[in-house]
Amino acid sequence: MRQRAALLAHLQNTNSQYNLPEIGKQLAYKANREGVEEHFPAPRVRKTIEVHVSLINPYDHLLGAVDLSMTRTAKAHDAPTCARLQSVPGVGKILALVILYEIQDITRFPRVQDFVS
């Protein structure tokens, strides 16, 4: 995930370094990355961006598979708790899974204060 984020950040940073107009799309989405290299006029820079985009695409696939596997495991393990965690504003699927697996067994915390700390 870090590598993917670093590559995406590099695309944005390169755009800023060359004082080009904003790309105007969220490059985290694969459909928005198609043709992004055309935004850069210099051939060498365009090639670098093309390579970075080609490296990001496999990460999308791999991270999607990991996400699906974790979600299936969590739902099989403790679906009600996972759903309850996702009902908290600001807690999405990934954060709910992190919390679920960090807590493990809630009864190991004798008091609410112990859990919160």
PDB file of N, CA and C in Angstrom:
ATOM      1  N   MET A   1       0.817  -1.173   0.000  1.00  0.00           N
ATOM      2  CA  MET A   1       0.000   0.000   0.000  1.00  0.00           C
ATOM      3  C   MET A   1       0.874   1.255   0.000  1.00  0.00           C
ATOM      4  N   ARG A   2       1.952   1.192   0.777  1.00  0.00           N
ATOM      5  CA  ARG A   2       2.867   2.345   0.825  1.00  0.00           C
ATOM      6  C   ARG A   2       3.498   2.626  -0.525  1.00  0.00           C
ATOM      7  N   GLN A   3       3.878   1.567  -1.213  1.00  0.00           N
ATOM      8  CA  GLN A   3       4.503   1.744  -2.524  1.00  0.00           C
ATOM      9  C   GLN A   3       3.530   2.386  -3.503  1.00  0.00           C
ATOM     10  N   ARG A   4       2.290   1.932  -3.479  1.00  0.00           N
ATOM     11  CA  ARG A   4       1.269   2.497  -4.358  1.00  0.00           C
ATOM     12  C   ARG A   4       1.067   3.975  -4.035  1.00  0.00           C
ATOM     13  N   ALA A   5       0.971   4.291  -2.755  1.00  0.00           N
ATOM     14  CA  ALA A   5       0.785   5.682  -2.329  1.00  0.00           C
ATOM     15  C   ALA A   5       1.975   6.547  -2.743  1.00  0.00           C
ATOM     16  N   ALA A   6       3.171   6.001  -2.621  1.00  0.00           N
ATOM     17  CA  ALA A   6       4.369   6.758  -3.008  1.00  0.00           C
ATOM     18  C   ALA A   6       4.373   7.041  -4.513  1.00  0.00           C
ATOM     19  N   LEU A   7       3.968   6.065  -5.299  1.00  0.00           N
ATOM     20  CA  LEU A   7       3.918   6.268  -6.752  1.00  0.00           C
ATOM     21  C   LEU A   7       2.865   7.315  -7.123  1.00  0.00           C
ATOM     22  N   LEU A   8       1.709   7.252  -6.475  1.00  0.00           N
ATOM     23  CA  LEU A   8       0.665   8.245  -6.735  1.00  0.00           C
ATOM     24  C   LEU A   8       1.131   9.641  -6.327  1.00  0.00           C
ATOM     25  N   ALA A   9       1.804   9.723  -5.188  1.00  0.00           N
ATOM     26  CA  ALA A   9       2.321  11.018  -4.731  1.00  0.00           C
ATOM     27  C   ALA A   9       3.356  11.553  -5.711  1.00  0.00           C
ATOM     28  N   HIS A  10       4.167  10.668  -6.260  1.00  0.00           N
ATOM     29  CA  HIS A  10       5.177  11.102  -7.213  1.00  0.00           C
ATOM     30  C   HIS A  10       4.536  11.692  -8.467  1.00  0.00           C
ATOM     31  N   LEU A  11       3.422  11.127  -8.901  1.00  0.00           N
ATOM     32  CA  LEU A  11       2.728  11.684 -10.061  1.00  0.00           C
ATOM     33  C   LEU A  11       2.303  13.128  -9.787  1.00  0.00           C
ATOM     34  N   GLN A  12       1.732  13.348  -8.611  1.00  0.00           N
ATOM     35  CA  GLN A  12       1.290  14.700  -8.245  1.00  0.00           C
ATOM     36  C   GLN A  12       2.475  15.644  -8.062  1.00  0.00           C
ATOM     37  N   ASN A  13       3.522  15.159  -7.416  1.00  0.00           N
ATOM     38  CA  ASN A  13       4.709  15.993  -7.188  1.00  0.00           C
ATOM     39  C   ASN A  13       5.373  16.394  -8.506  1.00  0.00           C
ATOM     40  N   THR A  14       5.455  15.462  -9.426  1.00  0.00           N
ATOM     41  CA  THR A  14       6.051  15.760 -10.727  1.00  0.00           C
ATOM     42  C   THR A  14       5.239  16.834 -11.437  1.00  0.00           C
ATOM     43  N   ASN A  15       3.937  16.727 -11.341  1.00  0.00           N
ATOM     44  CA  ASN A  15       3.071  17.734 -11.946  1.00  0.00           C
ATOM     45  C   ASN A  15       3.352  19.114 -11.344  1.00  0.00           C
ATOM     46  N   SER A  16       3.525  19.181 -10.038  1.00  0.00           N
ATOM     47  CA  SER A  16       3.819  20.450  -9.361  1.00  0.00           C
ATOM     48  C   SER A  16       5.205  20.974  -9.733  1.00  0.00           C
ATOM     49  N   GLN A  17       6.188  20.089  -9.795  1.00  0.00           N
ATOM     50  CA  GLN A  17       7.556  20.497 -10.101  1.00  0.00           C
ATOM     51  C   GLN A  17       7.672  21.147 -11.478  1.00  0.00           C
ATOM     52  N   TYR A  18       6.866  20.701 -12.415  1.00  0.00           N
ATOM     53  CA  TYR A  18       6.913  21.254 -13.763  1.00  0.00           C
ATOM     54  C   TYR A  18       5.906  22.392 -13.949  1.00  0.00           C
ATOM     55  N   ASN A  19       5.302  22.832 -12.851  1.00  0.00           N
ATOM     56  CA  ASN A  19       4.344  23.946 -12.877  1.00  0.00           C
ATOM     57  C   ASN A  19       3.247  23.759 -13.919  1.00  0.00           C
ATOM     58  N   LEU A  20       2.775  22.533 -14.023  1.00  0.00           N
ATOM     59  CA  LEU A  20       1.704  22.243 -14.970  1.00  0.00           C
ATOM     60  C   LEU A  20       0.349  22.464 -14.293  1.00  0.00           C
ATOM     61  N   PRO A  21      -0.701  22.693 -15.073  1.00  0.00           N
ATOM     62  CA  PRO A  21      -2.023  22.828 -14.455  1.00  0.00           C
ATOM     63  C   PRO A  21      -2.416  21.531 -13.756  1.00  0.00           C
ATOM     64  N   GLU A  22      -3.271  21.667 -12.760  1.00  0.00           N
ATOM     65  CA  GLU A  22      -3.701  20.481 -12.005  1.00  0.00           C
ATOM     66  C   GLU A  22      -4.268  19.429 -12.954  1.00  0.00           C
ATOM     67  N   ILE A  23      -4.041  18.188 -12.606  1.00  0.00           N
ATOM     68  CA  ILE A  23      -4.547  17.088 -13.422  1.00  0.00           C
ATOM     69  C   ILE A  23      -6.074  17.059 -13.355  1.00  0.00           C
ATOM     70  N   GLY A  24      -6.623  17.410 -12.204  1.00  0.00           N
ATOM     71  CA  GLY A  24      -8.068  17.538 -12.070  1.00  0.00           C
ATOM     72  C   GLY A  24      -8.809  16.239 -11.845  1.00  0.00           C
ATOM     73  N   LYS A  25      -8.102  15.184 -11.614  1.00  0.00           N
ATOM     74  CA  LYS A  25      -8.726  13.881 -11.369  1.00  0.00           C
ATOM     75  C   LYS A  25      -8.053  13.240 -10.172  1.00  0.00           C
ATOM     76  N   GLN A  26      -8.780  12.367  -9.497  1.00  0.00           N
ATOM     77  CA  GLN A  26      -8.174  11.590  -8.420  1.00  0.00           C
ATOM     78  C   GLN A  26      -7.482  10.391  -9.060  1.00  0.00           C
ATOM     79  N   LEU A  27      -6.167  10.421  -9.020  1.00  0.00           N
ATOM     80  CA  LEU A  27      -5.385   9.380  -9.686  1.00  0.00           C
ATOM     81  C   LEU A  27      -5.420   8.048  -8.951  1.00  0.00           C
ATOM     82  N   ALA A  28      -6.017   8.015  -7.779  1.00  0.00           N
ATOM     83  CA  ALA A  28      -6.138   6.761  -7.053  1.00  0.00           C
ATOM     84  C   ALA A  28      -7.057   5.789  -7.800  1.00  0.00           C
ATOM     85  N   TYR A  29      -7.928   6.331  -8.650  1.00  0.00           N
ATOM     86  CA  TYR A  29      -8.836   5.493  -9.436  1.00  0.00           C
ATOM     87  C   TYR A  29      -8.212   5.182 -10.789  1.00  0.00           C
ATOM     88  N   LYS A  30      -8.220   3.911 -11.145  1.00  0.00           N
ATOM     89  CA  LYS A  30      -7.553   3.454 -12.362  1.00  0.00           C
ATOM     90  C   LYS A  30      -8.064   4.173 -13.614  1.00  0.00           C
ATOM     91  N   ALA A  31      -9.351   4.382 -13.707  1.00  0.00           N
ATOM     92  CA  ALA A  31      -9.914   5.040 -14.892  1.00  0.00           C
ATOM     93  C   ALA A  31      -9.379   6.461 -15.053  1.00  0.00           C
ATOM     94  N   ASN A  32      -9.055   7.115 -13.947  1.00  0.00           N
ATOM     95  CA  ASN A  32      -8.531   8.483 -14.011  1.00  0.00           C
ATOM     96  C   ASN A  32      -7.054   8.535 -14.382  1.00  0.00           C
ATOM     97  N   ARG A  33      -6.376   7.410 -14.304  1.00  0.00           N
ATOM     98  CA  ARG A  33      -4.946   7.376 -14.647  1.00  0.00           C
ATOM     99  C   ARG A  33      -4.700   7.135 -16.129  1.00  0.00           C
ATOM    100  N   GLU A  34      -5.721   6.691 -16.845  1.00  0.00           N
ATOM    101  CA  GLU A  34      -5.546   6.403 -18.270  1.00  0.00           C
ATOM    102  C   GLU A  34      -5.244   7.694 -19.019  1.00  0.00           C
ATOM    103  N   GLY A  35      -4.138   7.703 -19.727  1.00  0.00           N
ATOM    104  CA  GLY A  35      -3.747   8.857 -20.518  1.00  0.00           C
ATOM    105  C   GLY A  35      -3.145   9.996 -19.721  1.00  0.00           C
ATOM    106  N   VAL A  36      -2.860   9.784 -18.432  1.00  0.00           N
ATOM    107  CA  VAL A  36      -2.312  10.863 -17.613  1.00  0.00           C
ATOM    108  C   VAL A  36      -0.929  11.293 -18.091  1.00  0.00           C
ATOM    109  N   GLU A  37      -0.190  10.400 -18.727  1.00  0.00           N
ATOM    110  CA  GLU A  37       1.149  10.760 -19.210  1.00  0.00           C
ATOM    111  C   GLU A  37       1.082  11.826 -20.308  1.00  0.00           C
ATOM    112  N   GLU A  38      -0.061  11.915 -20.993  1.00  0.00           N
ATOM    113  CA  GLU A  38      -0.232  12.932 -22.036  1.00  0.00           C
ATOM    114  C   GLU A  38      -0.213  14.345 -21.447  1.00  0.00           C
ATOM    115  N   HIS A  39      -0.441  14.441 -20.153  1.00  0.00           N
ATOM    116  CA  HIS A  39      -0.467  15.731 -19.456  1.00  0.00           C
ATOM    117  C   HIS A  39       0.925  16.370 -19.378  1.00  0.00           C
ATOM    118  N   PHE A  40       1.961  15.539 -19.535  1.00  0.00           N
ATOM    119  CA  PHE A  40       3.345  15.999 -19.384  1.00  0.00           C
ATOM    120  C   PHE A  40       3.981  16.163 -20.765  1.00  0.00           C
ATOM    121  N   PRO A  41       4.441  17.369 -21.095  1.00  0.00           N
ATOM    122  CA  PRO A  41       4.976  17.615 -22.442  1.00  0.00           C
ATOM    123  C   PRO A  41       6.359  17.019 -22.699  1.00  0.00           C
ATOM    124  N   ALA A  42       7.219  16.965 -21.691  1.00  0.00           N
ATOM    125  CA  ALA A  42       8.590  16.476 -21.895  1.00  0.00           C
ATOM    126  C   ALA A  42       8.583  14.957 -22.081  1.00  0.00           C
ATOM    127  N   PRO A  43       9.213  14.457 -23.168  1.00  0.00           N
ATOM    128  CA  PRO A  43       9.194  13.015 -23.453  1.00  0.00           C
ATOM    129  C   PRO A  43       9.767  12.145 -22.332  1.00  0.00           C
ATOM    130  N   ARG A  44      10.866  12.589 -21.714  1.00  0.00           N
ATOM    131  CA  ARG A  44      11.466  11.779 -20.643  1.00  0.00           C
ATOM    132  C   ARG A  44      10.557  11.717 -19.424  1.00  0.00           C
ATOM    133  N   VAL A  45       9.947  12.833 -19.107  1.00  0.00           N
ATOM    134  CA  VAL A  45       9.024  12.877 -17.970  1.00  0.00           C
ATOM    135  C   VAL A  45       7.799  12.025 -18.271  1.00  0.00           C
ATOM    136  N   ARG A  46       7.323  12.121 -19.494  1.00  0.00           N
ATOM    137  CA  ARG A  46       6.166  11.329 -19.905  1.00  0.00           C
ATOM    138  C   ARG A  46       6.452   9.840 -19.748  1.00  0.00           C
ATOM    139  N   LYS A  47       7.658   9.423 -20.112  1.00  0.00           N
ATOM    140  CA  LYS A  47       8.026   8.005 -19.991  1.00  0.00           C
ATOM    141  C   LYS A  47       8.081   7.591 -18.525  1.00  0.00           C
ATOM    142  N   THR A  48       8.616   8.448 -17.667  1.00  0.00           N
ATOM    143  CA  THR A  48       8.666   8.151 -16.232  1.00  0.00           C
ATOM    144  C   THR A  48       7.257   7.977 -15.669  1.00  0.00           C
ATOM    145  N   ILE A  49       6.363   8.868 -16.058  1.00  0.00           N
ATOM    146  CA  ILE A  49       4.980   8.796 -15.587  1.00  0.00           C
ATOM    147  C   ILE A  49       4.319   7.519 -16.089  1.00  0.00           C
ATOM    148  N   GLU A  50       4.600   7.172 -17.332  1.00  0.00           N
ATOM    149  CA  GLU A  50       4.051   5.937 -17.915  1.00  0.00           C
ATOM    150  C   GLU A  50       4.507   4.715 -17.117  1.00  0.00           C
ATOM    151  N   VAL A  51       5.782   4.691 -16.746  1.00  0.00           N
ATOM    152  CA  VAL A  51       6.317   3.574 -15.956  1.00  0.00           C
ATOM    153  C   VAL A  51       5.656   3.531 -14.584  1.00  0.00           C
ATOM    154  N   HIS A  52       5.506   4.686 -13.954  1.00  0.00           N
ATOM    155  CA  HIS A  52       4.876   4.730 -12.634  1.00  0.00           C
ATOM    156  C   HIS A  52       3.433   4.226 -12.691  1.00  0.00           C
ATOM    157  N   VAL A  53       2.704   4.639 -13.694  1.00  0.00           N
ATOM    158  CA  VAL A  53       1.316   4.192 -13.835  1.00  0.00           C
ATOM    159  C   VAL A  53       1.271   2.683 -14.051  1.00  0.00           C
ATOM    160  N   SER A  54       2.201   2.169 -14.851  1.00  0.00           N
ATOM    161  CA  SER A  54       2.218   0.721 -15.093  1.00  0.00           C
ATOM    162  C   SER A  54       2.586  -0.058 -13.830  1.00  0.00           C
ATOM    163  N   LEU A  55       3.293   0.578 -12.898  1.00  0.00           N
ATOM    164  CA  LEU A  55       3.609  -0.079 -11.627  1.00  0.00           C
ATOM    165  C   LEU A  55       2.448   0.003 -10.641  1.00  0.00           C
ATOM    166  N   ILE A  56       1.652   1.055 -10.730  1.00  0.00           N
ATOM    167  CA  ILE A  56       0.520   1.225  -9.811  1.00  0.00           C
ATOM    168  C   ILE A  56      -0.572   0.207 -10.098  1.00  0.00           C
ATOM    169  N   ASN A  57      -0.848  -0.064 -11.345  1.00  0.00           N
ATOM    170  CA  ASN A  57      -1.973  -0.931 -11.722  1.00  0.00           C
ATOM    171  C   ASN A  57      -1.940  -2.318 -11.071  1.00  0.00           C
ATOM    172  N   PRO A  58      -0.802  -3.022 -11.032  1.00  0.00           N
ATOM    173  CA  PRO A  58      -0.794  -4.325 -10.341  1.00  0.00           C
ATOM    174  C   PRO A  58      -1.075  -4.201  -8.839  1.00  0.00           C
ATOM    175  N   TYR A  59      -0.648  -3.094  -8.229  1.00  0.00           N
ATOM    176  CA  TYR A  59      -0.944  -2.891  -6.810  1.00  0.00           C
ATOM    177  C   TYR A  59      -2.446  -2.813  -6.580  1.00  0.00           C
ATOM    178  N   ASP A  60      -3.179  -2.174  -7.489  1.00  0.00           N
ATOM    179  CA  ASP A  60      -4.634  -2.103  -7.361  1.00  0.00           C
ATOM    180  C   ASP A  60      -5.227  -3.497  -7.282  1.00  0.00           C
ATOM    181  N   HIS A  61      -4.773  -4.357  -8.167  1.00  0.00           N
ATOM    182  CA  HIS A  61      -5.287  -5.729  -8.213  1.00  0.00           C
ATOM    183  C   HIS A  61      -4.937  -6.494  -6.934  1.00  0.00           C
ATOM    184  N   LEU A  62      -3.673  -6.434  -6.522  1.00  0.00           N
ATOM    185  CA  LEU A  62      -3.225  -7.161  -5.335  1.00  0.00           C
ATOM    186  C   LEU A  62      -3.907  -6.665  -4.065  1.00  0.00           C
ATOM    187  N   LEU A  63      -3.999  -5.351  -3.912  1.00  0.00           N
ATOM    188  CA  LEU A  63      -4.627  -4.792  -2.713  1.00  0.00           C
ATOM    189  C   LEU A  63      -6.120  -5.089  -2.676  1.00  0.00           C
ATOM    190  N   GLY A  64      -6.748  -5.132  -3.836  1.00  0.00           N
ATOM    191  CA  GLY A  64      -8.159  -5.512  -3.897  1.00  0.00           C
ATOM    192  C   GLY A  64      -8.377  -6.936  -3.430  1.00  0.00           C
ATOM    193  N   ALA A  65      -7.472  -7.831  -3.829  1.00  0.00           N
ATOM    194  CA  ALA A  65      -7.574  -9.231  -3.413  1.00  0.00           C
ATOM    195  C   ALA A  65      -7.367  -9.373  -1.905  1.00  0.00           C
ATOM    196  N   VAL A  66      -6.403  -8.641  -1.364  1.00  0.00           N
ATOM    197  CA  VAL A  66      -6.158  -8.679   0.086  1.00  0.00           C
ATOM    198  C   VAL A  66      -7.371  -8.134   0.848  1.00  0.00           C
ATOM    199  N   ASP A  67      -7.915  -7.036   0.358  1.00  0.00           N
ATOM    200  CA  ASP A  67      -9.079  -6.424   0.979  1.00  0.00           C
ATOM    201  C   ASP A  67     -10.255  -7.398   1.005  1.00  0.00           C
ATOM    202  N   LEU A  68     -10.512  -8.051  -0.115  1.00  0.00           N
ATOM    203  CA  LEU A  68     -11.610  -9.011  -0.204  1.00  0.00           C
ATOM    204  C   LEU A  68     -11.395 -10.174   0.756  1.00  0.00           C
ATOM    205  N   SER A  69     -10.182 -10.676   0.814  1.00  0.00           N
ATOM    206  CA  SER A  69      -9.870 -11.789   1.713  1.00  0.00           C
ATOM    207  C   SER A  69     -10.068 -11.403   3.176  1.00  0.00           C
ATOM    208  N   MET A  70      -9.597 -10.209   3.541  1.00  0.00           N
ATOM    209  CA  MET A  70      -9.755  -9.751   4.930  1.00  0.00           C
ATOM    210  C   MET A  70     -11.219  -9.554   5.276  1.00  0.00           C
ATOM    211  N   THR A  71     -11.981  -8.997   4.362  1.00  0.00           N
ATOM    212  CA  THR A  71     -13.403  -8.759   4.612  1.00  0.00           C
ATOM    213  C   THR A  71     -14.137 -10.074   4.799  1.00  0.00           C
ATOM    214  N   ARG A  72     -13.864 -11.049   3.960  1.00  0.00           N
ATOM    215  CA  ARG A  72     -14.516 -12.360   4.090  1.00  0.00           C
ATOM    216  C   ARG A  72     -14.159 -13.023   5.410  1.00  0.00           C
ATOM    217  N   THR A  73     -12.890 -12.919   5.793  1.00  0.00           N
ATOM    218  CA  THR A  73     -12.449 -13.508   7.055  1.00  0.00           C
ATOM    219  C   THR A  73     -13.127 -12.831   8.234  1.00  0.00           C
ATOM    220  N   ALA A  74     -13.208 -11.507   8.204  1.00  0.00           N
ATOM    221  CA  ALA A  74     -13.821 -10.763   9.304  1.00  0.00           C
ATOM    222  C   ALA A  74     -15.302 -11.079   9.413  1.00  0.00           C
ATOM    223  N   LYS A  75     -15.977 -11.172   8.283  1.00  0.00           N
ATOM    224  CA  LYS A  75     -17.409 -11.460   8.318  1.00  0.00           C
ATOM    225  C   LYS A  75     -17.662 -12.859   8.839  1.00  0.00           C
ATOM    226  N   ALA A  76     -16.793 -13.794   8.500  1.00  0.00           N
ATOM    227  CA  ALA A  76     -16.943 -15.154   9.011  1.00  0.00           C
ATOM    228  C   ALA A  76     -16.605 -15.208  10.493  1.00  0.00           C
ATOM    229  N   HIS A  77     -15.666 -14.374  10.899  1.00  0.00           N
ATOM    230  CA  HIS A  77     -15.203 -14.372  12.286  1.00  0.00           C
ATOM    231  C   HIS A  77     -16.202 -13.688  13.216  1.00  0.00           C
ATOM    232  N   ASP A  78     -16.599 -12.463  12.883  1.00  0.00           N
ATOM    233  CA  ASP A  78     -17.479 -11.691  13.762  1.00  0.00           C
ATOM    234  C   ASP A  78     -18.207 -10.614  12.966  1.00  0.00           C
ATOM    235  N   ALA A  79     -19.158 -11.027  12.146  1.00  0.00           N
ATOM    236  CA  ALA A  79     -19.879 -10.109  11.267  1.00  0.00           C
ATOM    237  C   ALA A  79     -20.640  -9.018  12.019  1.00  0.00           C
ATOM    238  N   PRO A  80     -21.354  -9.332  13.121  1.00  0.00           N
ATOM    239  CA  PRO A  80     -22.095  -8.268  13.806  1.00  0.00           C
ATOM    240  C   PRO A  80     -21.195  -7.150  14.336  1.00  0.00           C
ATOM    241  N   THR A  81     -20.058  -7.510  14.910  1.00  0.00           N
ATOM    242  CA  THR A  81     -19.146  -6.494  15.441  1.00  0.00           C
ATOM    243  C   THR A  81     -18.564  -5.661  14.316  1.00  0.00           C
ATOM    244  N   CYS A  82     -18.225  -6.302  13.215  1.00  0.00           N
ATOM    245  CA  CYS A  82     -17.679  -5.583  12.065  1.00  0.00           C
ATOM    246  C   CYS A  82     -18.705  -4.573  11.539  1.00  0.00           C
ATOM    247  N   ALA A  83     -19.956  -4.978  11.447  1.00  0.00           N
ATOM    248  CA  ALA A  83     -21.025  -4.078  10.982  1.00  0.00           C
ATOM    249  C   ALA A  83     -21.245  -2.940  11.973  1.00  0.00           C
ATOM    250  N   ARG A  84     -21.187  -3.245  13.254  1.00  0.00           N
ATOM    251  CA  ARG A  84     -21.384  -2.225  14.285  1.00  0.00           C
ATOM    252  C   ARG A  84     -20.265  -1.180  14.225  1.00  0.00           C
ATOM    253  N   LEU A  85     -19.046  -1.634  14.038  1.00  0.00           N
ATOM    254  CA  LEU A  85     -17.923  -0.703  13.939  1.00  0.00           C
ATOM    255  C   LEU A  85     -18.072   0.212  12.728  1.00  0.00           C
ATOM    256  N   GLN A  86     -18.554  -0.323  11.620  1.00  0.00           N
ATOM    257  CA  GLN A  86     -18.717   0.479  10.409  1.00  0.00           C
ATOM    258  C   GLN A  86     -19.847   1.492  10.539  1.00  0.00           C
ATOM    259  N   SER A  87     -20.707   1.317  11.536  1.00  0.00           N
ATOM    260  CA  SER A  87     -21.799   2.278  11.735  1.00  0.00           C
ATOM    261  C   SER A  87     -21.315   3.556  12.419  1.00  0.00           C
ATOM    262  N   VAL A  88     -20.094   3.539  12.944  1.00  0.00           N
ATOM    263  CA  VAL A  88     -19.524   4.732  13.578  1.00  0.00           C
ATOM    264  C   VAL A  88     -19.092   5.699  12.467  1.00  0.00           C
ATOM    265  N   PRO A  89     -19.517   6.971  12.546  1.00  0.00           N
ATOM    266  CA  PRO A  89     -19.112   7.936  11.515  1.00  0.00           C
ATOM    267  C   PRO A  89     -17.588   8.023  11.396  1.00  0.00           C
ATOM    268  N   GLY A  90     -17.100   7.923  10.175  1.00  0.00           N
ATOM    269  CA  GLY A  90     -15.669   8.014   9.924  1.00  0.00           C
ATOM    270  C   GLY A  90     -14.950   6.676   9.935  1.00  0.00           C
ATOM    271  N   VAL A  91     -15.634   5.623  10.317  1.00  0.00           N
ATOM    272  CA  VAL A  91     -15.016   4.291  10.343  1.00  0.00           C
ATOM    273  C   VAL A  91     -15.507   3.522   9.125  1.00  0.00           C
ATOM    274  N   GLY A  92     -14.597   3.273   8.219  1.00  0.00           N
ATOM    275  CA  GLY A  92     -14.919   2.515   7.014  1.00  0.00           C
ATOM    276  C   GLY A  92     -14.556   1.050   7.174  1.00  0.00           C
ATOM    277  N   LYS A  93     -14.551   0.358   6.055  1.00  0.00           N
ATOM    278  CA  LYS A  93     -14.308  -1.078   6.075  1.00  0.00           C
ATOM    279  C   LYS A  93     -12.919  -1.424   6.610  1.00  0.00           C
ATOM    280  N   ILE A  94     -11.900  -0.747   6.118  1.00  0.00           N
ATOM    281  CA  ILE A  94     -10.525  -1.069   6.515  1.00  0.00           C
ATOM    282  C   ILE A  94     -10.292  -0.743   7.982  1.00  0.00           C
ATOM    283  N   LEU A  95     -10.697   0.443   8.416  1.00  0.00           N
ATOM    284  CA  LEU A  95     -10.505   0.823   9.817  1.00  0.00           C
ATOM    285  C   LEU A  95     -11.282  -0.100  10.748  1.00  0.00           C
ATOM    286  N   ALA A  96     -12.483  -0.505  10.348  1.00  0.00           N
ATOM    287  CA  ALA A  96     -13.263  -1.440  11.156  1.00  0.00           C
ATOM    288  C   ALA A  96     -12.523  -2.768  11.318  1.00  0.00           C
ATOM    289  N   LEU A  97     -11.908  -3.229  10.241  1.00  0.00           N
ATOM    290  CA  LEU A  97     -11.145  -4.484  10.313  1.00  0.00           C
ATOM    291  C   LEU A  97      -9.923  -4.337  11.219  1.00  0.00           C
ATOM    292  N   VAL A  98      -9.241  -3.203  11.120  1.00  0.00           N
ATOM    293  CA  VAL A  98      -8.068  -2.971  11.973  1.00  0.00           C
ATOM    294  C   VAL A  98      -8.494  -2.981  13.442  1.00  0.00           C
ATOM    295  N   ILE A  99      -9.545  -2.258  13.746  1.00  0.00           N
ATOM    296  CA  ILE A  99     -10.031  -2.205  15.133  1.00  0.00           C
ATOM    297  C   ILE A  99     -10.446  -3.592  15.600  1.00  0.00           C
ATOM    298  N   LEU A 100     -11.193  -4.307  14.758  1.00  0.00           N
ATOM    299  CA  LEU A 100     -11.670  -5.648  15.117  1.00  0.00           C
ATOM    300  C   LEU A 100     -10.513  -6.581  15.466  1.00  0.00           C
ATOM    301  N   TYR A 101      -9.469  -6.560  14.661  1.00  0.00           N
ATOM    302  CA  TYR A 101      -8.361  -7.469  14.907  1.00  0.00           C
ATOM    303  C   TYR A 101      -7.400  -6.984  15.983  1.00  0.00           C
ATOM    304  N   GLU A 102      -7.373  -5.692  16.251  1.00  0.00           N
ATOM    305  CA  GLU A 102      -6.558  -5.183  17.351  1.00  0.00           C
ATOM    306  C   GLU A 102      -7.214  -5.489  18.698  1.00  0.00           C
ATOM    307  N   ILE A 103      -8.538  -5.407  18.737  1.00  0.00           N
ATOM    308  CA  ILE A 103      -9.260  -5.666  19.987  1.00  0.00           C
ATOM    309  C   ILE A 103      -9.181  -7.149  20.349  1.00  0.00           C
ATOM    310  N   GLN A 104      -9.323  -7.998  19.365  1.00  0.00           N
ATOM    311  CA  GLN A 104      -9.400  -9.448  19.533  1.00  0.00           C
ATOM    312  C   GLN A 104     -10.608  -9.798  20.390  1.00  0.00           C
ATOM    313  N   ASP A 105     -10.452  -9.870  21.691  1.00  0.00           N
ATOM    314  CA  ASP A 105     -11.563 -10.219  22.588  1.00  0.00           C
ATOM    315  C   ASP A 105     -11.798  -9.036  23.527  1.00  0.00           C
ATOM    316  N   ILE A 106     -12.947  -8.406  23.403  1.00  0.00           N
ATOM    317  CA  ILE A 106     -13.249  -7.204  24.180  1.00  0.00           C
ATOM    318  C   ILE A 106     -13.251  -7.474  25.680  1.00  0.00           C
ATOM    319  N   THR A 107     -13.498  -8.709  26.070  1.00  0.00           N
ATOM    320  CA  THR A 107     -13.544  -9.028  27.503  1.00  0.00           C
ATOM    321  C   THR A 107     -12.169  -8.975  28.166  1.00  0.00           C
ATOM    322  N   ARG A 108     -11.133  -8.841  27.375  1.00  0.00           N
ATOM    323  CA  ARG A 108      -9.799  -8.733  27.974  1.00  0.00           C
ATOM    324  C   ARG A 108      -9.567  -7.366  28.591  1.00  0.00           C
ATOM    325  N   PHE A 109     -10.482  -6.429  28.366  1.00  0.00           N
ATOM    326  CA  PHE A 109     -10.410  -5.099  28.975  1.00  0.00           C
ATOM    327  C   PHE A 109     -11.412  -5.042  30.132  1.00  0.00           C
ATOM    328  N   PRO A 110     -10.927  -4.977  31.365  1.00  0.00           N
ATOM    329  CA  PRO A 110     -11.844  -5.000  32.508  1.00  0.00           C
ATOM    330  C   PRO A 110     -12.739  -3.758  32.605  1.00  0.00           C
ATOM    331  N   ARG A 111     -12.247  -2.603  32.131  1.00  0.00           N
ATOM    332  CA  ARG A 111     -13.030  -1.365  32.213  1.00  0.00           C
ATOM    333  C   ARG A 111     -12.981  -0.638  30.881  1.00  0.00           C
ATOM    334  N   VAL A 112     -13.939   0.223  30.659  1.00  0.00           N
ATOM    335  CA  VAL A 112     -13.978   1.023  29.431  1.00  0.00           C
ATOM    336  C   VAL A 112     -12.715   1.866  29.313  1.00  0.00           C
ATOM    337  N   GLN A 113     -12.249   2.406  30.439  1.00  0.00           N
ATOM    338  CA  GLN A 113     -11.056   3.251  30.433  1.00  0.00           C
ATOM    339  C   GLN A 113      -9.827   2.476  29.949  1.00  0.00           C
ATOM    340  N   ASP A 114      -9.745   1.214  30.308  1.00  0.00           N
ATOM    341  CA  ASP A 114      -8.625   0.384  29.853  1.00  0.00           C
ATOM    342  C   ASP A 114      -8.668   0.200  28.331  1.00  0.00           C
ATOM    343  N   PHE A 115      -9.853   0.016  27.809  1.00  0.00           N
ATOM    344  CA  PHE A 115     -10.004  -0.161  26.373  1.00  0.00           C
ATOM    345  C   PHE A 115      -9.623   1.134  25.644  1.00  0.00           C
ATOM    346  N   VAL A 116     -10.123   2.270  26.108  1.00  0.00           N
ATOM    347  CA  VAL A 116      -9.890   3.543  25.442  1.00  0.00           C
ATOM    348  C   VAL A 116      -8.414   3.925  25.479  1.00  0.00           C
ATOM    349  N   SER A 117      -7.742   3.643  26.567  1.00  0.00           N
ATOM    350  CA  SER A 117      -6.335   4.013  26.654  1.00  0.00           C
ATOM    351  C   SER A 117      -5.503   3.130  25.752  1.00  0.00           C
TER     352      SER A 117
END
